[in-house]
Amino acid sequence: MELEQVYKIGVGGPVGSGKTALIEALVPVLVARGSRPGVITNDIYTQEGAEHVRRTLAGTLDADRVVGVETGSCPHTAVRDDPTMNLAAAAELLDRFPDIDVLLFESGGDNLTLTFSPLPADVYVFVLDTAEGEKMPRKRGPGTTESDLLVINKIDIAPYVRTDLTVMERDARAVRRGGPVVLTDCLTGTGVTAVADFVLEHKETVCSPVP
């Protein structure tokens, strides 16, 4: 399988927003719907993200289908400015598992300005969380305003961090000019089905055969 034939999902956002948790919640839904996913995580010096995904998805996803890229610098550069390391990791993963039809790339760093090069991402999901404060959507940034889907995560803790979820969602929809927003609690699965619906619908558009 060539990388160009595989549907690629970029998952980005500030550190701690729940990107890994979203992937760990999303993969079982994708598998249940017939997808054969692989996961590539980005950390500066460690395999921590990949190891967490392997542990959490044990029994759902073969551990060898999860690869950790150690970027050596802020991970956003390896998915936005020069994705060579990620593309090489993807090519190697596809050589070993040519049946993979969905690749999820996860990267933090650069806070609200993190974006993905189109090479490792056909669709780009940006994750904020309520602990960052209801003001975060108003700060804008291309991750918030230009991503294909904005996820507001950790809705369960909003009352405990003094975040008015109604305000945060309202402002997110306003700055995105009607672009899709999904509210999630990835630990319980709330909203994850809606994320899966979105990315799979987008797959049909991106990967539709040319007549």
Protein backbone atom coordinates (compact mmCIF):
# COMPACT_ATOMS: atom_id res chain seq x y z
CA MET A 1 0.00 0.00 0.00
CA GLU A 2 1.35 3.42 -0.98
CA LEU A 3 1.03 6.31 1.46
CA GLU A 4 -0.98 8.26 -1.10
CA GLN A 5 -3.63 5.53 -1.03
CA VAL A 6 -4.04 5.63 2.75
CA TYR A 7 -6.42 7.99 4.52
CA LYS A 8 -4.42 10.19 6.90
CA ILE A 9 -5.80 11.93 9.99
CA GLY A 10 -3.74 14.58 11.81
CA VAL A 11 -4.58 15.10 15.47
CA GLY A 12 -2.97 18.17 17.02
CA GLY A 13 -3.39 20.58 19.87
CA PRO A 14 -1.73 21.96 22.99
CA VAL A 15 0.12 19.64 25.35
CA GLY A 16 -2.32 17.92 27.70
CA SER A 17 -5.46 18.68 25.70
CA GLY A 18 -6.24 14.99 25.21
CA LYS A 19 -4.94 14.17 21.74
CA THR A 20 -3.71 10.74 22.77
CA ALA A 21 -6.92 10.06 24.68
CA LEU A 22 -8.93 10.97 21.58
CA ILE A 23 -6.93 8.55 19.43
CA GLU A 24 -7.30 5.82 22.05
CA ALA A 25 -11.06 6.36 22.08
CA LEU A 26 -11.36 6.74 18.32
CA VAL A 27 -9.40 3.69 17.18
CA PRO A 28 -11.84 1.09 18.61
CA VAL A 29 -14.72 2.86 16.88
CA LEU A 30 -12.83 2.87 13.58
CA VAL A 31 -11.98 -0.81 13.98
CA ALA A 32 -15.61 -1.65 14.74
CA ARG A 33 -16.61 0.12 11.54
CA GLY A 34 -14.22 -1.93 9.42
CA SER A 35 -11.12 0.28 9.29
CA ARG A 36 -7.60 -1.09 9.74
CA PRO A 37 -5.74 1.75 11.47
CA GLY A 38 -2.15 2.51 12.31
CA VAL A 39 -0.94 5.22 14.70
CA ILE A 40 2.14 7.46 14.61
CA THR A 41 2.88 9.66 17.61
CA ASN A 42 5.41 12.48 17.94
CA ASP A 43 7.47 13.25 21.04
CA ILE A 44 10.72 15.13 21.40
CA TYR A 45 12.96 12.56 23.10
CA THR A 46 10.80 9.61 24.15
CA GLN A 47 8.32 6.98 23.01
CA GLU A 48 5.91 7.93 25.79
CA GLY A 49 2.94 8.69 23.56
CA ALA A 50 3.34 5.51 21.52
CA GLU A 51 3.81 3.37 24.62
CA HIS A 52 0.64 4.81 26.17
CA VAL A 53 -1.36 4.04 23.03
CA ARG A 54 0.03 0.49 22.91
CA ARG A 55 -0.93 -0.17 26.53
CA THR A 56 -4.39 1.35 26.25
CA LEU A 57 -5.27 -0.36 22.97
CA ALA A 58 -3.82 -3.76 23.84
CA GLY A 59 -6.28 -6.33 22.52
CA THR A 60 -7.72 -3.85 20.03
CA LEU A 61 -4.71 -2.81 17.98
CA ASP A 62 -1.50 -4.76 17.41
CA ALA A 63 1.29 -2.96 19.30
CA ASP A 64 3.48 -3.06 16.20
CA ARG A 65 0.94 -0.89 14.38
CA VAL A 66 1.83 1.99 16.72
CA VAL A 67 5.06 3.88 15.98
CA GLY A 68 6.68 6.65 17.99
CA VAL A 69 8.70 9.33 16.21
CA GLU A 70 11.34 11.08 18.33
CA THR A 71 11.61 14.48 16.70
CA GLY A 72 14.55 15.93 18.67
CA SER A 73 12.86 19.33 18.60
CA CYS A 74 9.34 20.71 18.94
CA PRO A 75 7.12 18.04 17.37
CA HIS A 76 5.08 20.54 15.38
CA THR A 77 8.02 21.04 13.02
CA ALA A 78 7.91 17.34 12.13
CA VAL A 79 4.28 17.46 11.00
CA ARG A 80 4.16 20.97 9.57
CA ASP A 81 7.51 22.33 8.37
CA ASP A 82 9.39 19.15 7.44
CA PRO A 83 7.32 15.96 7.81
CA THR A 84 10.11 13.75 6.42
CA MET A 85 10.49 11.75 9.64
CA ASN A 86 6.77 11.07 9.83
CA LEU A 87 6.52 10.14 6.16
CA ALA A 88 9.45 7.72 6.56
CA ALA A 89 7.83 6.16 9.63
CA ALA A 90 4.57 5.82 7.73
CA ALA A 91 6.27 4.18 4.74
CA GLU A 92 8.01 1.66 7.01
CA LEU A 93 4.77 0.91 8.85
CA LEU A 94 2.92 0.34 5.58
CA ASP A 95 5.68 -1.96 4.36
CA ARG A 96 5.08 -4.14 7.41
CA PHE A 97 1.30 -3.82 7.40
CA PRO A 98 0.08 -3.16 3.85
CA ASP A 99 -3.53 -3.67 4.94
CA ILE A 100 -3.54 -0.40 6.93
CA ASP A 101 -6.11 1.94 5.39
CA VAL A 102 -6.21 4.72 8.02
CA LEU A 103 -3.15 6.38 9.58
CA LEU A 104 -3.50 8.68 12.57
CA PHE A 105 -0.66 11.15 13.18
CA GLU A 106 -0.56 12.77 16.62
CA SER A 107 1.52 15.81 17.54
CA GLY A 108 1.53 18.53 20.14
CA GLY A 109 3.59 21.68 20.39
CA ASP A 110 3.19 25.25 19.19
CA ASN A 111 -0.06 25.59 21.10
CA LEU A 112 -2.72 27.38 19.03
CA THR A 113 -0.62 27.70 15.86
CA LEU A 114 0.01 23.99 15.29
CA THR A 115 -1.07 22.89 11.84
CA PHE A 116 -0.30 19.86 9.67
CA SER A 117 1.32 19.70 6.28
CA PRO A 118 -1.13 18.14 3.81
CA LEU A 119 1.39 15.32 3.25
CA PRO A 120 0.66 13.54 6.56
CA ALA A 121 -2.93 14.75 6.94
CA ASP A 122 -5.92 14.54 4.61
CA VAL A 123 -8.05 15.78 7.49
CA TYR A 124 -6.88 17.79 10.47
CA VAL A 125 -8.48 17.54 13.92
CA PHE A 126 -7.48 20.14 16.54
CA VAL A 127 -8.07 19.44 20.23
CA LEU A 128 -8.62 22.03 22.96
CA ASP A 129 -9.72 21.24 26.49
CA THR A 130 -11.85 23.00 29.05
CA ALA A 131 -9.01 23.21 31.59
CA GLU A 132 -7.31 25.71 29.30
CA GLY A 133 -10.19 28.09 29.94
CA GLU A 134 -13.24 29.25 28.04
CA LYS A 135 -11.18 32.08 26.55
CA MET A 136 -9.12 29.74 24.35
CA PRO A 137 -11.35 29.85 21.25
CA ARG A 138 -11.34 33.65 21.38
CA LYS A 139 -7.54 33.58 21.14
CA ARG A 140 -8.03 32.03 17.71
CA GLY A 141 -4.90 30.72 15.99
CA PRO A 142 -4.93 28.56 12.85
CA GLY A 143 -5.38 25.34 14.80
CA THR A 144 -8.65 26.61 16.21
CA THR A 145 -9.94 28.45 13.17
CA GLU A 146 -8.64 26.47 10.19
CA SER A 147 -8.71 22.81 11.28
CA ASP A 148 -11.25 20.58 9.58
CA LEU A 149 -12.72 19.70 12.98
CA LEU A 150 -12.32 21.36 16.37
CA VAL A 151 -12.73 19.12 19.40
CA ILE A 152 -13.36 20.62 22.84
CA ASN A 153 -12.31 17.87 25.22
CA LYS A 154 -12.66 17.20 28.97
CA ILE A 155 -16.17 18.57 29.13
CA ASP A 156 -16.66 16.57 32.33
CA ILE A 157 -14.30 18.82 34.31
CA ALA A 158 -15.59 22.16 33.01
CA PRO A 159 -17.47 23.01 36.24
CA TYR A 160 -14.34 22.33 38.30
CA VAL A 161 -12.06 24.62 36.29
CA ARG A 162 -14.56 27.50 36.13
CA THR A 163 -15.18 27.10 32.42
CA ASP A 164 -18.61 27.95 31.06
CA LEU A 165 -19.00 25.29 28.40
CA THR A 166 -21.84 27.17 26.72
CA VAL A 167 -19.61 30.20 26.24
CA MET A 168 -16.64 28.15 25.06
CA GLU A 169 -18.70 26.30 22.47
CA ARG A 170 -20.45 29.50 21.31
CA ASP A 171 -17.17 31.33 20.82
CA ALA A 172 -15.58 28.34 19.09
CA ARG A 173 -18.39 28.19 16.55
CA ALA A 174 -18.20 31.95 16.03
CA VAL A 175 -14.45 32.11 15.31
CA ARG A 176 -14.73 29.04 13.05
CA ARG A 177 -17.46 30.74 11.03
CA GLY A 178 -19.71 27.71 11.25
CA GLY A 179 -16.96 25.10 10.97
CA PRO A 180 -17.70 21.86 12.84
CA VAL A 181 -17.13 21.63 16.59
CA VAL A 182 -17.55 18.48 18.69
CA LEU A 183 -17.56 18.34 22.49
CA THR A 184 -15.99 15.24 24.02
CA ASP A 185 -15.10 13.41 27.16
CA CYS A 186 -12.71 10.85 25.71
CA LEU A 187 -12.44 8.82 28.90
CA THR A 188 -16.15 7.97 28.84
CA GLY A 189 -16.57 8.11 25.08
CA THR A 190 -18.93 11.07 25.03
CA GLY A 191 -18.77 12.71 21.60
CA VAL A 192 -16.30 10.21 20.14
CA THR A 193 -18.91 8.71 17.82
CA ALA A 194 -19.48 12.15 16.35
CA VAL A 195 -15.74 12.52 15.72
CA ALA A 196 -15.69 9.11 14.03
CA ASP A 197 -18.70 10.07 11.91
CA PHE A 198 -16.92 13.21 10.75
CA VAL A 199 -13.59 11.63 9.85
CA LEU A 200 -15.18 8.70 8.06
CA GLU A 201 -17.48 10.98 6.07
CA HIS A 202 -14.42 13.03 5.15
CA LYS A 203 -12.65 9.84 4.06
CA GLU A 204 -15.35 9.16 1.51
CA THR A 205 -14.70 12.59 0.00
CA VAL A 206 -10.90 12.50 0.10
CA CYS A 207 -10.48 8.88 -0.97
CA SER A 208 -13.34 8.58 -3.43
CA PRO A 209 -12.21 6.89 -6.64
CA VAL A 210 -11.58 9.06 -9.67
CA PRO A 211 -14.05 8.24 -12.49
